[in-house]
Amino acid sequence: MTAWWGLAVADFRERVRRPAYLVMLISAVGLGWLAVPPTDARWVVLDAGGHRGLYTSAYVGLVTALTSALWLTFVGFYLVRDAVARDVRTGVGQLLAAGPLRTPVYLAGKFTSNLLVLGSMAGVLAVTALVLQLLRGESRTVDPVGLLAPFVFLALPMLAVTAAAALLFETTPVLRSGFGNMLWCFVWMAGAVGGQSASAPLGGIGVGQLAGTMPATADTFGLGLMYVDRPLRTFEWSGLPLDAGFVAGRAALTLLAVAVALLPALWFHRFDVATRSTARSLPEPHTVYQGLPPTAAVAGSATGRLLAAEVLILVRGAPWWWWAGAALLAVAGLAAPPGPVLAVVWIWPVLLWSRLGTRQETAAILAAYPAPRRRLVAEWAAGVLLAAATGALPAVRMLAGADLPGLAAWTAGALFIPALALALGTLTGAPRTFQALYTVLWYMVINDVAALDFMGALPSGGPPPAAVAGAAVALFGLAFGVTRLRHARR
């Protein structure tokens, strides 16, 4: 017990010292502001059949807790999905593996640390909810139990599931790669939609049990950031229905999360290299540079050789099945319109694009190159070439059909995707942000959100190609500015 708690607290303390943790807490305040908008606002996160509750302690606690249950389960996964990998990078894992600490105790400590990080964000949301209740002024009577109950029974079980899922993905060979980061997007989407049903297993998010306490039916109850034509009508909400069945369901969901967190003890051998799985997958960005000759990364002053080296680094380590899949998608696309084909082929290289900008391991070598601007341009150009190669068949078909608007959108998309990856990779130093954000963006496009169609995949069209290309240039400028600032500090 002492070892488990000591490991969890030490890991949590290490995380809260990072600047990123402060950004997390600030973002939690922003989530609270979205959840409890001004009384005349045209957006809501909870629409109960055209109604919203008066801003009492119970209701502001409810909407902020549901916001954390909905959005922190997505963002929080990527925030805490680094606990085990960090031990690998720092060498702490090898020290722990040599000691008497058992694997279930190690997993319990990491799960608790994940939950403490996510719970601290929910705690900031609870404080924000109280401040916003007083600020909005519809009720100044503070009810601590009514305010905190939704966090305990709605948010906490969902955050426990997220903490456990992040640990499960990190300790499972197939899921620990970038594929797992992308998969979580779809798992979360399914859970966010299905979890709002009254028949969801173990109560899901908990929304289904609330419908009977509000002036809404199952068809008119909505959760999520929504725009409304006019401010909603108000009612006074009586609070959570804390009956035995509801409480038992939330407790069961939390216990299930604990079981999922401990499940990898069956196959996770901590940091014993001899027992690690050798299953071949797309490698993480920090491994693709190992064994690369220094002259391949810094090829004198020849722009062509520099670009060739960047392309080699970008695609290095991609297994045979990745290339076979890319070829299969190209052949299968012959029977479909170019736009939908483009949407399919430009999700396939996402794990390769996510390497852009994440080269901390080669920073010492690349710092010797006298022109960081040329190096960054070459890195972006390598990503553009990958987009052009995988999307070549739709482009050829557009050219054959004299589809000039389609070609313009194709060109803008080929510039935008690697620019987004480069900017996010440069800012965060990790591939997870791009993998998650791009997957969500792609999902919105294939679900007919024309305003986000950056590649011209939809018949209705999207933003002007010039605007998409301008956004690509702006993203590259952001990456360049951050790189120059870091270079100047050395």
Protein backbone atom coordinates (compact mmCIF):
# COMPACT_ATOMS: atom_id res chain seq x y z
CA MET A 1 0.00 0.00 0.00
CA THR A 2 2.79 2.41 0.94
CA ALA A 3 4.77 1.65 -2.23
CA TRP A 4 1.71 2.11 -4.44
CA TRP A 5 0.75 5.45 -2.91
CA GLY A 6 4.34 6.69 -2.74
CA LEU A 7 4.87 5.94 -6.43
CA ALA A 8 1.60 7.67 -7.34
CA VAL A 9 2.37 10.81 -5.33
CA ALA A 10 5.95 11.03 -6.59
CA ASP A 11 4.79 10.67 -10.18
CA PHE A 12 2.05 13.26 -9.68
CA ARG A 13 4.46 15.75 -8.13
CA GLU A 14 6.84 15.33 -11.05
CA ARG A 15 4.04 16.09 -13.49
CA VAL A 16 2.72 19.18 -11.73
CA ARG A 17 6.15 20.85 -11.94
CA ARG A 18 5.90 21.08 -15.72
CA PRO A 19 4.68 24.24 -17.49
CA ALA A 20 2.23 22.05 -19.42
CA TYR A 21 0.38 21.30 -16.19
CA LEU A 22 -0.35 25.00 -15.68
CA VAL A 23 -1.70 25.15 -19.24
CA MET A 24 -3.94 22.19 -18.39
CA LEU A 25 -5.38 23.99 -15.39
CA ILE A 26 -5.96 27.19 -17.37
CA SER A 27 -7.77 25.16 -20.03
CA ALA A 28 -9.98 23.70 -17.29
CA VAL A 29 -11.05 27.23 -16.36
CA GLY A 30 -11.91 27.83 -20.01
CA LEU A 31 -14.01 24.66 -20.08
CA GLY A 32 -15.93 25.90 -17.04
CA TRP A 33 -16.64 29.22 -18.71
CA LEU A 34 -18.04 27.39 -21.74
CA ALA A 35 -20.17 25.16 -19.53
CA VAL A 36 -21.76 28.06 -17.61
CA PRO A 37 -22.22 30.81 -20.24
CA PRO A 38 -23.84 34.20 -19.57
CA THR A 39 -27.61 34.04 -19.19
CA ASP A 40 -28.17 35.65 -22.60
CA ALA A 41 -25.57 33.51 -24.44
CA ARG A 42 -26.42 31.67 -27.64
CA TRP A 43 -24.45 28.54 -26.78
CA VAL A 44 -25.03 25.78 -24.24
CA VAL A 45 -23.50 22.43 -23.34
CA LEU A 46 -26.73 20.96 -21.97
CA ASP A 47 -30.07 21.48 -23.74
CA ALA A 48 -32.95 19.90 -21.82
CA GLY A 49 -35.68 20.16 -24.44
CA GLY A 50 -35.22 23.89 -24.94
CA HIS A 51 -34.59 24.51 -21.23
CA ARG A 52 -31.63 25.03 -18.95
CA GLY A 53 -31.48 25.00 -15.18
CA LEU A 54 -31.18 28.10 -13.09
CA TYR A 55 -27.57 28.61 -12.11
CA THR A 56 -27.80 27.06 -8.66
CA SER A 57 -24.92 25.16 -7.08
CA ALA A 58 -26.42 21.84 -8.15
CA TYR A 59 -26.93 22.85 -11.79
CA VAL A 60 -23.57 24.56 -12.36
CA GLY A 61 -21.97 21.52 -10.72
CA LEU A 62 -23.88 19.29 -13.12
CA VAL A 63 -22.97 21.08 -16.36
CA THR A 64 -19.30 21.52 -15.42
CA ALA A 65 -19.04 17.89 -14.28
CA LEU A 66 -20.64 16.68 -17.52
CA THR A 67 -18.23 18.90 -19.46
CA SER A 68 -15.31 17.24 -17.72
CA ALA A 69 -16.86 13.79 -18.28
CA LEU A 70 -17.25 14.54 -21.98
CA TRP A 71 -14.17 16.57 -22.95
CA LEU A 72 -11.54 15.65 -20.37
CA THR A 73 -12.00 12.02 -21.32
CA PHE A 74 -10.73 12.95 -24.79
CA VAL A 75 -8.04 15.54 -24.09
CA GLY A 76 -7.08 13.97 -20.77
CA PHE A 77 -6.19 10.67 -22.42
CA TYR A 78 -3.42 12.33 -24.41
CA LEU A 79 -2.28 14.39 -21.44
CA VAL A 80 -1.64 11.39 -19.18
CA ARG A 81 -0.65 8.84 -21.81
CA ASP A 82 3.04 9.27 -21.11
CA ALA A 83 3.54 7.83 -17.63
CA VAL A 84 5.24 4.58 -18.65
CA ALA A 85 7.02 6.01 -21.69
CA ARG A 86 8.54 8.70 -19.48
CA ASP A 87 10.04 6.04 -17.22
CA VAL A 88 11.55 4.42 -20.30
CA ARG A 89 13.10 7.69 -21.52
CA THR A 90 14.50 8.70 -18.15
CA GLY A 91 15.82 5.27 -17.17
CA VAL A 92 13.65 5.20 -14.04
CA GLY A 93 11.85 2.16 -15.39
CA GLN A 94 15.01 0.06 -15.49
CA LEU A 95 15.75 0.99 -11.87
CA LEU A 96 12.24 0.01 -10.81
CA ALA A 97 12.46 -3.25 -12.74
CA ALA A 98 15.63 -4.16 -10.83
CA GLY A 99 13.91 -3.57 -7.47
CA PRO A 100 11.31 -5.54 -5.52
CA LEU A 101 8.34 -3.49 -6.77
CA ARG A 102 5.74 -5.83 -8.27
CA THR A 103 4.05 -5.12 -11.58
CA PRO A 104 0.48 -4.76 -10.15
CA VAL A 105 1.79 -2.23 -7.62
CA TYR A 106 3.56 -0.31 -10.39
CA LEU A 107 0.41 -0.26 -12.52
CA ALA A 108 -1.72 0.80 -9.55
CA GLY A 109 0.65 3.69 -8.86
CA LYS A 110 0.60 4.88 -12.47
CA PHE A 111 -3.20 4.59 -12.65
CA THR A 112 -3.56 6.59 -9.44
CA SER A 113 -1.15 9.23 -10.74
CA ASN A 114 -3.15 9.52 -13.97
CA LEU A 115 -6.34 9.88 -11.96
CA LEU A 116 -4.79 12.53 -9.69
CA VAL A 117 -3.77 14.60 -12.72
CA LEU A 118 -7.23 14.38 -14.29
CA GLY A 119 -8.92 14.83 -10.93
CA SER A 120 -6.97 18.01 -10.28
CA MET A 121 -8.37 19.44 -13.50
CA ALA A 122 -11.86 18.44 -12.40
CA GLY A 123 -11.15 20.11 -9.05
CA VAL A 124 -10.26 23.36 -10.82
CA LEU A 125 -13.52 23.02 -12.76
CA ALA A 126 -15.44 22.66 -9.48
CA VAL A 127 -13.89 25.85 -8.09
CA THR A 128 -14.58 27.58 -11.41
CA ALA A 129 -18.20 26.42 -11.20
CA LEU A 130 -18.62 28.04 -7.80
CA VAL A 131 -17.10 31.32 -9.00
CA LEU A 132 -19.30 31.32 -12.09
CA GLN A 133 -22.42 30.62 -10.03
CA LEU A 134 -21.77 33.75 -7.98
CA LEU A 135 -20.74 35.72 -11.06
CA ARG A 136 -23.87 34.85 -13.07
CA GLY A 137 -25.99 35.90 -10.09
CA GLU A 138 -29.10 33.77 -10.61
CA SER A 139 -28.55 32.12 -7.22
CA ARG A 140 -26.05 33.11 -4.56
CA THR A 141 -26.92 30.29 -2.17
CA VAL A 142 -23.94 27.95 -2.04
CA ASP A 143 -24.68 24.23 -1.62
CA PRO A 144 -21.34 22.36 -1.43
CA VAL A 145 -22.96 18.92 -1.57
CA GLY A 146 -25.09 19.81 -4.59
CA LEU A 147 -22.06 21.33 -6.31
CA LEU A 148 -19.66 18.43 -5.72
CA ALA A 149 -22.03 15.46 -6.10
CA PRO A 150 -21.99 15.57 -9.94
CA PHE A 151 -18.19 15.54 -9.90
CA VAL A 152 -18.11 12.53 -7.60
CA PHE A 153 -20.78 10.47 -9.35
CA LEU A 154 -20.53 11.64 -12.98
CA ALA A 155 -17.05 13.00 -13.68
CA LEU A 156 -14.86 10.86 -11.41
CA PRO A 157 -15.93 7.44 -12.84
CA MET A 158 -15.37 8.66 -16.41
CA LEU A 159 -11.96 10.12 -15.51
CA ALA A 160 -11.07 6.80 -13.89
CA VAL A 161 -11.97 5.03 -17.15
CA THR A 162 -9.76 7.48 -19.04
CA ALA A 163 -6.84 7.02 -16.63
CA ALA A 164 -7.13 3.24 -16.97
CA ALA A 165 -7.46 3.36 -20.77
CA ALA A 166 -4.33 5.51 -21.07
CA LEU A 167 -2.38 2.98 -19.00
CA LEU A 168 -3.81 0.03 -20.95
CA PHE A 169 -2.81 1.63 -24.26
CA GLU A 170 0.70 2.38 -22.98
CA THR A 171 1.35 -1.18 -21.84
CA THR A 172 -0.14 -3.05 -24.81
CA PRO A 173 2.30 -3.53 -27.72
CA VAL A 174 -0.08 -2.71 -30.57
CA LEU A 175 -1.85 0.14 -28.78
CA ARG A 176 1.23 1.92 -27.46
CA SER A 177 2.10 3.19 -30.95
CA GLY A 178 0.52 6.08 -32.82
CA PHE A 179 -2.20 3.70 -33.97
CA GLY A 180 -3.47 3.69 -30.39
CA ASN A 181 -3.62 7.48 -30.34
CA MET A 182 -5.81 7.44 -33.43
CA LEU A 183 -7.93 4.56 -32.18
CA TRP A 184 -8.80 6.44 -29.00
CA CYS A 185 -10.46 9.16 -31.09
CA PHE A 186 -12.98 6.65 -32.41
CA VAL A 187 -13.37 4.90 -29.05
CA TRP A 188 -14.09 8.25 -27.44
CA MET A 189 -16.58 9.24 -30.15
CA ALA A 190 -18.46 5.97 -29.71
CA GLY A 191 -18.46 6.39 -25.93
CA ALA A 192 -19.51 10.05 -26.07
CA VAL A 193 -22.53 9.20 -28.22
CA GLY A 194 -23.46 5.78 -26.85
CA GLY A 195 -22.73 6.81 -23.28
CA GLN A 196 -25.60 9.31 -23.34
CA SER A 197 -28.18 6.55 -23.79
CA ALA A 198 -30.30 5.45 -20.86
CA SER A 199 -29.44 1.83 -21.77
CA ALA A 200 -25.65 2.40 -21.83
CA PRO A 201 -23.71 -0.21 -19.82
CA LEU A 202 -23.28 0.82 -16.16
CA GLY A 203 -25.08 4.08 -16.93
CA GLY A 204 -22.50 5.38 -19.42
CA ILE A 205 -21.78 9.05 -18.85
CA GLY A 206 -24.82 9.24 -16.59
CA VAL A 207 -26.98 11.44 -18.82
CA GLY A 208 -29.67 8.80 -19.31
CA GLN A 209 -30.52 8.87 -15.61
CA LEU A 210 -30.97 12.65 -15.68
CA ALA A 211 -33.68 12.88 -18.31
CA GLY A 212 -36.43 12.10 -15.78
CA THR A 213 -35.39 15.05 -13.61
CA MET A 214 -35.62 17.60 -16.43
CA PRO A 215 -38.26 18.88 -18.89
CA ALA A 216 -36.84 16.79 -21.73
CA THR A 217 -37.41 13.48 -23.43
CA ALA A 218 -34.77 11.10 -24.74
CA ASP A 219 -35.12 12.68 -28.19
CA THR A 220 -34.73 16.29 -27.04
CA PHE A 221 -31.97 15.93 -24.44
CA GLY A 222 -28.66 17.16 -25.86
CA LEU A 223 -25.13 17.20 -24.43
CA GLY A 224 -22.28 18.98 -26.20
CA LEU A 225 -21.32 22.48 -27.26
CA MET A 226 -24.39 23.68 -29.20
CA TYR A 227 -25.58 26.95 -30.72
CA VAL A 228 -29.17 27.98 -29.98
CA ASP A 229 -31.29 30.52 -31.84
CA ARG A 230 -32.48 32.14 -28.62
CA PRO A 231 -31.64 31.84 -24.92
CA LEU A 232 -33.19 28.75 -23.37
CA ARG A 233 -36.09 28.82 -20.95
CA THR A 234 -35.13 28.16 -17.34
CA PHE A 235 -36.28 25.74 -14.66
CA GLU A 236 -35.05 24.88 -11.17
CA TRP A 237 -33.24 21.55 -11.11
CA SER A 238 -33.72 19.37 -8.04
CA GLY A 239 -30.32 17.65 -8.17
CA LEU A 240 -28.88 14.22 -8.90
CA PRO A 241 -31.16 11.22 -8.30
CA LEU A 242 -28.87 9.50 -5.80
CA ASP A 243 -30.83 6.27 -5.54
CA ALA A 244 -29.16 2.94 -4.84
CA GLY A 245 -29.18 1.80 -8.47
CA PHE A 246 -27.55 5.00 -9.74
CA VAL A 247 -24.82 4.98 -7.08
CA ALA A 248 -24.15 1.26 -7.60
CA GLY A 249 -23.76 1.77 -11.34
CA ARG A 250 -21.22 4.57 -10.86
CA ALA A 251 -19.29 2.52 -8.31
CA ALA A 252 -19.26 -0.48 -10.66
CA LEU A 253 -17.90 1.69 -13.48
CA THR A 254 -15.08 2.92 -11.24
CA LEU A 255 -14.21 -0.61 -10.14
CA LEU A 256 -14.19 -1.71 -13.78
CA ALA A 257 -11.68 1.06 -14.50
CA VAL A 258 -9.44 -0.24 -11.70
CA ALA A 259 -9.64 -3.75 -13.15
CA VAL A 260 -8.72 -2.48 -16.62
CA ALA A 261 -5.72 -0.61 -15.17
CA LEU A 262 -4.44 -3.78 -13.48
CA LEU A 263 -5.20 -6.08 -16.42
CA PRO A 264 -1.85 -5.44 -18.20
CA ALA A 265 -0.10 -7.19 -15.29
CA LEU A 266 -0.88 -10.38 -17.26
CA TRP A 267 1.47 -9.39 -20.09
CA PHE A 268 3.38 -6.25 -19.11
CA HIS A 269 6.87 -7.22 -17.94
CA ARG A 270 7.74 -3.68 -17.02
CA PHE A 271 11.09 -2.79 -18.60
CA ASP A 272 12.66 -6.16 -19.18
CA VAL A 273 13.94 -5.85 -22.76
CA ALA A 274 14.33 -9.61 -23.11
CA THR A 275 10.60 -10.21 -22.65
CA ARG A 276 9.30 -7.32 -24.66
CA SER A 277 7.12 -7.95 -27.68
CA THR A 278 8.88 -7.66 -30.99
CA ALA A 279 5.69 -7.08 -32.97
CA ARG A 280 6.40 -4.80 -35.89
CA SER A 281 4.48 -1.55 -36.01
CA LEU A 282 5.11 1.97 -37.13
CA PRO A 283 7.88 3.18 -34.80
CA GLU A 284 7.53 6.20 -32.61
CA PRO A 285 9.26 9.36 -33.89
CA HIS A 286 12.11 9.21 -31.39
CA THR A 287 13.22 5.79 -32.72
CA VAL A 288 13.42 6.50 -36.44
CA TYR A 289 16.70 8.38 -36.14
CA GLN A 290 18.60 5.62 -34.38
CA GLY A 291 21.37 4.29 -36.59
CA LEU A 292 20.98 7.11 -39.11
CA PRO A 293 24.41 8.31 -40.30
CA PRO A 294 25.11 11.90 -39.24
CA THR A 295 25.94 12.80 -42.84
CA ALA A 296 22.44 11.74 -43.89
CA ALA A 297 20.86 14.37 -41.66
CA VAL A 298 23.38 17.13 -42.43
CA ALA A 299 24.33 16.92 -46.06
CA GLY A 300 26.48 19.97 -46.55
CA SER A 301 24.87 22.87 -48.34
CA ALA A 302 23.15 20.87 -51.08
CA THR A 303 19.42 21.56 -50.87
CA GLY A 304 18.58 18.45 -52.83
CA ARG A 305 20.59 16.18 -50.55
CA LEU A 306 19.04 17.84 -47.50
CA LEU A 307 15.55 17.24 -48.85
CA ALA A 308 16.41 13.63 -49.68
CA ALA A 309 17.64 13.13 -46.12
CA GLU A 310 14.41 14.59 -44.72
CA VAL A 311 12.32 12.24 -46.87
CA LEU A 312 14.45 9.30 -45.72
CA ILE A 313 13.95 10.27 -42.07
CA LEU A 314 10.21 10.71 -42.58
CA VAL A 315 9.56 7.28 -44.07
CA ARG A 316 12.32 5.40 -42.28
CA GLY A 317 11.07 2.36 -40.39
CA ALA A 318 7.68 2.09 -42.12
CA PRO A 319 7.02 -1.69 -42.35
CA TRP A 320 6.10 -3.53 -45.49
CA TRP A 321 2.41 -3.67 -44.59
CA TRP A 322 2.25 0.14 -44.53
CA TRP A 323 3.49 0.34 -48.11
CA ALA A 324 1.19 -2.51 -49.15
CA GLY A 325 -1.77 -0.70 -47.56
CA ALA A 326 -0.92 2.54 -49.36
CA ALA A 327 -0.74 0.69 -52.69
CA LEU A 328 -4.00 -1.15 -52.01
CA LEU A 329 -5.80 2.11 -51.22
CA ALA A 330 -4.50 3.63 -54.45
CA VAL A 331 -5.77 0.69 -56.53
CA ALA A 332 -9.12 0.56 -54.71
CA GLY A 333 -9.60 4.27 -55.38
CA LEU A 334 -9.82 3.76 -59.13
CA ALA A 335 -13.53 2.98 -58.82
CA ALA A 336 -14.48 5.96 -56.62
CA PRO A 337 -14.64 9.74 -57.17
CA PRO A 338 -11.30 11.49 -56.53
CA GLY A 339 -12.59 13.56 -53.58
CA PRO A 340 -13.67 10.65 -51.33
CA VAL A 341 -10.57 8.69 -52.38
CA LEU A 342 -8.40 11.59 -51.26
CA ALA A 343 -10.04 11.57 -47.82
CA VAL A 344 -9.17 7.87 -47.45
CA VAL A 345 -5.58 7.98 -48.71
CA TRP A 346 -4.73 11.06 -46.63
CA ILE A 347 -5.56 9.37 -43.33
CA TRP A 348 -3.15 6.50 -44.00
CA PRO A 349 0.15 8.47 -43.58
CA VAL A 350 -0.91 10.27 -40.37
CA LEU A 351 1.58 8.36 -38.23
CA LEU A 352 4.42 9.37 -40.55
CA TRP A 353 3.36 13.02 -40.71
CA SER A 354 3.19 13.11 -36.93
CA ARG A 355 6.99 12.75 -36.84
CA LEU A 356 7.44 16.25 -38.24
CA GLY A 357 8.81 18.69 -35.72
CA THR A 358 9.47 16.06 -33.02
CA ARG A 359 13.24 15.74 -33.29
CA GLN A 360 14.56 16.48 -29.86
CA GLU A 361 16.81 13.43 -30.09
CA THR A 362 18.63 14.83 -33.15
CA ALA A 363 18.64 18.44 -32.03
CA ALA A 364 22.34 18.35 -31.15
CA ILE A 365 23.28 17.07 -34.61
CA LEU A 366 20.95 19.35 -36.52
CA ALA A 367 21.97 22.41 -34.51
CA ALA A 368 25.31 22.28 -36.31
CA TYR A 369 23.59 22.97 -39.61
CA PRO A 370 24.06 26.70 -40.37
CA ALA A 371 20.59 27.40 -41.78
CA PRO A 372 17.72 26.27 -39.54
CA ARG A 373 15.31 27.93 -41.96
CA ARG A 374 16.41 25.71 -44.85
CA ARG A 375 16.28 22.66 -42.61
CA LEU A 376 12.71 23.45 -41.56
CA VAL A 377 11.63 24.14 -45.15
CA ALA A 378 13.11 20.80 -46.19
CA GLU A 379 11.23 19.04 -43.38
CA TRP A 380 7.95 20.62 -44.48
CA ALA A 381 8.71 19.82 -48.12
CA ALA A 382 9.28 16.16 -47.19
CA GLY A 383 5.81 16.08 -45.68
CA VAL A 384 4.36 17.73 -48.79
CA LEU A 385 6.05 15.13 -50.98
CA LEU A 386 4.52 12.36 -48.86
CA ALA A 387 1.09 13.95 -49.33
CA ALA A 388 1.69 14.27 -53.07
CA ALA A 389 2.85 10.66 -53.38
CA THR A 390 -0.07 9.14 -51.49
CA GLY A 391 -2.58 11.45 -53.19
CA ALA A 392 -1.08 11.22 -56.67
CA LEU A 393 -3.85 9.10 -58.21
CA PRO A 394 -6.72 11.48 -57.31
CA ALA A 395 -4.61 14.39 -58.59
CA VAL A 396 -4.00 12.65 -61.91
CA ARG A 397 -7.71 11.92 -62.28
CA MET A 398 -8.55 15.56 -61.52
CA LEU A 399 -6.02 16.69 -64.09
CA ALA A 400 -7.43 14.30 -66.69
CA GLY A 401 -10.91 15.63 -66.01
CA ALA A 402 -9.76 19.28 -66.12
CA ASP A 403 -10.98 19.71 -62.54
CA LEU A 404 -9.00 22.84 -61.73
CA PRO A 405 -10.89 23.69 -58.50
CA GLY A 406 -10.25 20.14 -57.28
CA LEU A 407 -6.56 20.44 -58.10
CA ALA A 408 -6.37 23.74 -56.24
CA ALA A 409 -7.97 22.15 -53.16
CA TRP A 410 -5.63 19.16 -53.50
CA THR A 411 -2.58 21.44 -53.57
CA ALA A 412 -3.77 23.43 -50.56
CA GLY A 413 -4.43 20.24 -48.62
CA ALA A 414 -1.00 18.83 -49.48
CA LEU A 415 0.56 22.01 -48.05
CA PHE A 416 -1.72 22.24 -45.02
CA ILE A 417 -1.43 18.74 -43.54
CA PRO A 418 2.38 18.67 -43.08
CA ALA A 419 2.35 22.31 -41.96
CA LEU A 420 -0.13 21.42 -39.21
CA ALA A 421 1.98 18.42 -38.19
CA LEU A 422 5.17 20.50 -38.20
CA ALA A 423 3.66 23.28 -36.11
CA LEU A 424 2.13 20.95 -33.51
CA GLY A 425 5.23 18.79 -33.37
CA THR A 426 7.46 21.83 -32.89
CA LEU A 427 5.25 23.24 -30.14
CA THR A 428 4.73 20.03 -28.18
CA GLY A 429 7.73 17.88 -29.13
CA ALA A 430 5.44 14.84 -29.31
CA PRO A 431 3.34 13.24 -32.06
CA ARG A 432 0.18 12.67 -30.00
CA THR A 433 -1.29 16.15 -30.48
CA PHE A 434 -1.26 15.95 -34.27
CA GLN A 435 -2.44 12.34 -34.31
CA ALA A 436 -5.47 13.25 -32.20
CA LEU A 437 -6.31 16.61 -33.75
CA TYR A 438 -5.89 15.49 -37.34
CA THR A 439 -8.00 12.36 -36.78
CA VAL A 440 -10.82 14.47 -35.36
CA LEU A 441 -10.50 16.97 -38.21
CA TRP A 442 -10.56 14.15 -40.78
CA TYR A 443 -13.57 12.58 -39.06
CA MET A 444 -15.46 15.87 -39.26
CA VAL A 445 -14.68 16.14 -42.98
CA ILE A 446 -15.96 12.66 -43.84
CA ASN A 447 -19.10 13.50 -41.85
CA ASP A 448 -19.90 16.37 -44.24
CA VAL A 449 -18.67 19.33 -42.17
CA ALA A 450 -17.87 21.40 -45.25
CA ALA A 451 -16.40 24.32 -43.30
CA LEU A 452 -13.47 22.08 -42.29
CA ASP A 453 -12.91 20.41 -45.67
CA PHE A 454 -9.27 21.38 -46.17
CA MET A 455 -8.70 18.92 -49.05
CA GLY A 456 -11.78 19.32 -51.27
CA ALA A 457 -13.13 15.87 -50.46
CA LEU A 458 -16.81 16.94 -50.27
CA PRO A 459 -18.93 17.75 -53.34
CA SER A 460 -20.22 20.89 -51.60
CA GLY A 461 -16.68 22.22 -51.31
CA GLY A 462 -14.93 23.71 -48.32
CA PRO A 463 -12.92 26.82 -47.52
CA PRO A 464 -11.24 28.58 -50.47
CA PRO A 465 -7.97 26.84 -51.36
CA ALA A 466 -6.17 30.16 -50.97
CA ALA A 467 -7.37 30.36 -47.35
CA VAL A 468 -6.19 26.79 -46.65
CA ALA A 469 -2.82 27.51 -48.25
CA GLY A 470 -2.58 30.72 -46.22
CA ALA A 471 -3.26 28.75 -43.06
CA ALA A 472 -0.47 26.35 -44.07
CA VAL A 473 1.97 29.24 -44.48
CA ALA A 474 0.90 30.68 -41.11
CA LEU A 475 1.44 27.31 -39.40
CA PHE A 476 4.87 27.02 -40.97
CA GLY A 477 5.64 30.54 -39.79
CA LEU A 478 4.66 29.52 -36.27
CA ALA A 479 6.97 26.49 -36.39
CA PHE A 480 9.77 28.62 -37.82
CA GLY A 481 9.36 31.29 -35.15
CA VAL A 482 9.45 28.75 -32.32
CA THR A 483 12.49 27.04 -33.85
CA ARG A 484 14.39 30.34 -34.23
CA LEU A 485 13.57 31.28 -30.64
CA ARG A 486 14.89 27.97 -29.34
CA HIS A 487 17.96 28.23 -31.57
CA ALA A 488 18.69 31.72 -30.25
CA ARG A 489 18.60 30.47 -26.64
CA ARG A 490 21.31 27.87 -27.24
